[in-house]
Amino acid sequence: MRVSIITISDSVSAGHREDGSGKALARRCGELGWEIISATIVPDEESAIRAQLLALADAGKSDLILTTGGTGLGPRDVTPEATASVTNRLVPGLAERMRQVGAAKNPNAALSRAVAAIRGTTLIVNLPGSPRGAVESFDAIAELLPHAVSVLHGARHD
């Protein structure tokens, strides 16, 4: 599986904080044998997020784009809106599963506004911004992603 990771954070993009969540996701994907195509950082700006999602999805090199950050209730948390604006089909079961599994450990996981959606043949999944939250949410759906991407690329459901 070919994966791109986008870290969405004002403080990381400004160089005030290290990118812990993007690096943690890259490590976890590597443990699964998945190839990291790119890892980028953008601020919590809807236009910047949209532009990065469009560039990566439309290049056709990534099967999966994982975003980390900007999924909460804060005024600058706009990742779900940016994702929805560039995709044509939602995959609500993935986000529902992440919230369900996460809430078993931390009730605040229910406040996540993360979405999963499709642009072309690329699956885009929003994850929380904390390293632990990002990896735990990813792990909640990781086993489903290879099949989802396979079907997205034309394989039949079995």
Protein backbone atom coordinates (compact mmCIF):
# COMPACT_ATOMS: atom_id res chain seq x y z
CA MET A 1 0.00 0.00 0.00
CA ARG A 2 1.30 3.44 -0.96
CA VAL A 3 0.62 6.02 1.75
CA SER A 4 0.96 9.79 1.98
CA ILE A 5 0.77 11.51 5.36
CA ILE A 6 -0.25 15.11 5.90
CA THR A 7 0.32 16.67 9.33
CA ILE A 8 -2.03 19.59 9.83
CA SER A 9 -0.81 21.93 12.54
CA ASP A 10 -0.10 25.64 12.85
CA SER A 11 2.62 25.09 15.46
CA VAL A 12 4.37 22.28 13.57
CA SER A 13 4.24 24.15 10.25
CA ALA A 14 5.70 27.22 11.97
CA GLY A 15 8.55 25.15 13.41
CA HIS A 16 7.47 25.65 17.05
CA ARG A 17 6.80 21.96 17.65
CA GLU A 18 8.06 18.67 16.25
CA ASP A 19 5.79 16.49 14.12
CA GLY A 20 5.18 13.61 16.52
CA SER A 21 1.93 12.34 14.99
CA GLY A 22 3.08 12.20 11.36
CA LYS A 23 6.26 10.39 12.37
CA ALA A 24 4.31 7.95 14.58
CA LEU A 25 1.96 7.14 11.70
CA ALA A 26 4.87 6.64 9.32
CA ARG A 27 6.47 4.21 11.78
CA ARG A 28 3.21 2.29 12.17
CA CYS A 29 2.66 2.07 8.42
CA GLY A 30 6.25 0.86 8.03
CA GLU A 31 5.61 -1.88 10.58
CA LEU A 32 2.76 -3.05 8.35
CA GLY A 33 5.05 -3.07 5.32
CA TRP A 34 3.32 -0.11 3.68
CA GLU A 35 5.34 2.36 1.62
CA ILE A 36 5.39 6.02 2.64
CA ILE A 37 5.26 8.03 -0.59
CA SER A 38 5.30 11.46 1.07
CA ALA A 39 5.02 13.18 4.43
CA THR A 40 4.10 16.86 4.42
CA ILE A 41 3.10 19.52 6.93
CA VAL A 42 0.54 22.26 6.38
CA PRO A 43 -1.03 24.84 8.70
CA ASP A 44 -4.65 24.66 9.88
CA GLU A 45 -5.83 26.56 6.82
CA GLU A 46 -8.63 25.05 4.76
CA SER A 47 -7.13 26.25 1.46
CA ALA A 48 -3.70 24.75 2.26
CA ILE A 49 -5.24 21.44 3.32
CA ARG A 50 -7.39 21.31 0.18
CA ALA A 51 -4.43 22.09 -2.07
CA GLN A 52 -2.30 19.35 -0.52
CA LEU A 53 -5.10 16.77 -0.70
CA LEU A 54 -5.77 17.61 -4.34
CA ALA A 55 -2.10 17.46 -5.30
CA LEU A 56 -1.56 14.10 -3.64
CA ALA A 57 -4.80 12.41 -4.70
CA ASP A 58 -4.70 13.66 -8.27
CA ALA A 59 -1.06 12.62 -8.75
CA GLY A 60 -2.24 9.01 -8.55
CA LYS A 61 0.78 7.83 -6.57
CA SER A 62 -0.98 7.30 -3.22
CA ASP A 63 -3.54 4.62 -2.47
CA LEU A 64 -4.19 6.14 0.95
CA ILE A 65 -3.78 9.64 2.36
CA LEU A 66 -3.71 9.88 6.14
CA THR A 67 -4.19 13.33 7.66
CA THR A 68 -3.39 14.00 11.29
CA GLY A 69 -4.72 17.04 13.10
CA GLY A 70 -7.56 19.51 12.80
CA THR A 71 -10.41 17.10 13.57
CA GLY A 72 -11.58 18.57 16.88
CA LEU A 73 -13.99 21.29 17.90
CA GLY A 74 -11.53 24.19 17.92
CA PRO A 75 -12.12 27.20 15.70
CA ARG A 76 -9.12 26.30 13.48
CA ASP A 77 -10.00 22.59 13.20
CA VAL A 78 -11.11 22.51 9.55
CA THR A 79 -9.64 19.25 8.24
CA PRO A 80 -13.01 17.47 7.83
CA GLU A 81 -14.42 20.42 5.87
CA ALA A 82 -11.37 20.56 3.61
CA THR A 83 -11.54 16.81 3.04
CA ALA A 84 -15.26 16.84 2.25
CA SER A 85 -14.78 19.70 -0.22
CA VAL A 86 -12.37 17.71 -2.42
CA THR A 87 -13.95 14.26 -2.26
CA ASN A 88 -16.99 12.79 -3.94
CA ARG A 89 -17.93 9.87 -1.67
CA LEU A 90 -17.83 9.47 2.10
CA VAL A 91 -16.89 6.21 3.86
CA PRO A 92 -18.67 6.84 7.17
CA GLY A 93 -18.06 3.37 8.64
CA LEU A 94 -14.31 4.02 8.99
CA ALA A 95 -14.78 7.24 10.98
CA GLU A 96 -17.54 5.61 13.04
CA ARG A 97 -15.26 2.70 13.90
CA MET A 98 -12.42 5.01 14.92
CA ARG A 99 -14.73 6.95 17.25
CA GLN A 100 -16.27 3.77 18.69
CA VAL A 101 -12.94 2.08 19.42
CA GLY A 102 -11.42 5.33 20.68
CA ALA A 103 -14.31 6.10 23.02
CA ALA A 104 -13.76 2.77 24.79
CA LYS A 105 -10.40 4.18 25.99
CA ASN A 106 -11.14 7.90 26.07
CA PRO A 107 -14.71 9.26 26.06
CA ASN A 108 -13.46 12.44 24.36
CA ALA A 109 -12.88 10.42 21.17
CA ALA A 110 -16.59 10.86 20.52
CA LEU A 111 -15.89 14.56 19.90
CA SER A 112 -13.75 13.82 16.84
CA ARG A 113 -15.17 15.15 13.59
CA ALA A 114 -12.84 13.03 11.46
CA VAL A 115 -14.11 11.78 8.11
CA ALA A 116 -13.01 9.17 5.61
CA ALA A 117 -13.72 9.79 1.96
CA ILE A 118 -12.72 8.97 -1.62
CA ARG A 119 -11.24 11.12 -4.36
CA GLY A 120 -10.78 9.18 -7.57
CA THR A 121 -9.02 5.99 -6.53
CA THR A 122 -7.50 7.43 -3.37
CA LEU A 123 -8.88 6.85 0.11
CA ILE A 124 -8.45 9.79 2.50
CA VAL A 125 -8.73 9.27 6.27
CA ASN A 126 -8.61 12.03 8.89
CA LEU A 127 -6.93 11.11 12.19
CA PRO A 128 -6.50 13.04 15.46
CA GLY A 129 -3.51 15.29 15.98
CA SER A 130 -1.92 13.66 19.02
CA PRO A 131 0.58 10.86 18.31
CA ARG A 132 -1.28 8.42 20.55
CA GLY A 133 -4.71 9.35 19.20
CA ALA A 134 -3.52 9.18 15.60
CA VAL A 135 -2.00 5.72 15.96
CA GLU A 136 -4.87 4.33 18.04
CA SER A 137 -7.42 5.60 15.52
CA PHE A 138 -5.35 4.24 12.66
CA ASP A 139 -5.03 0.85 14.37
CA ALA A 140 -8.83 0.72 14.77
CA ILE A 141 -9.21 0.58 10.97
CA ALA A 142 -5.83 -0.59 9.63
CA GLU A 143 -6.98 -4.14 8.96
CA LEU A 144 -9.82 -2.80 6.77
CA LEU A 145 -7.72 -0.49 4.62
CA PRO A 146 -6.03 -2.96 2.23
CA HIS A 147 -9.40 -4.45 1.25
CA ALA A 148 -10.99 -1.00 0.96
CA VAL A 149 -8.22 0.18 -1.38
CA SER A 150 -8.37 -3.04 -3.38
CA VAL A 151 -12.11 -2.62 -3.95
CA LEU A 152 -11.62 1.07 -4.73
CA HIS A 153 -9.19 0.02 -7.45
CA GLY A 154 -11.75 -2.34 -8.98
CA ALA A 155 -11.49 -5.66 -7.10
CA ARG A 156 -14.70 -7.42 -6.20
CA HIS A 157 -16.03 -7.69 -2.66
CA ASP A 158 -15.55 -11.23 -1.38
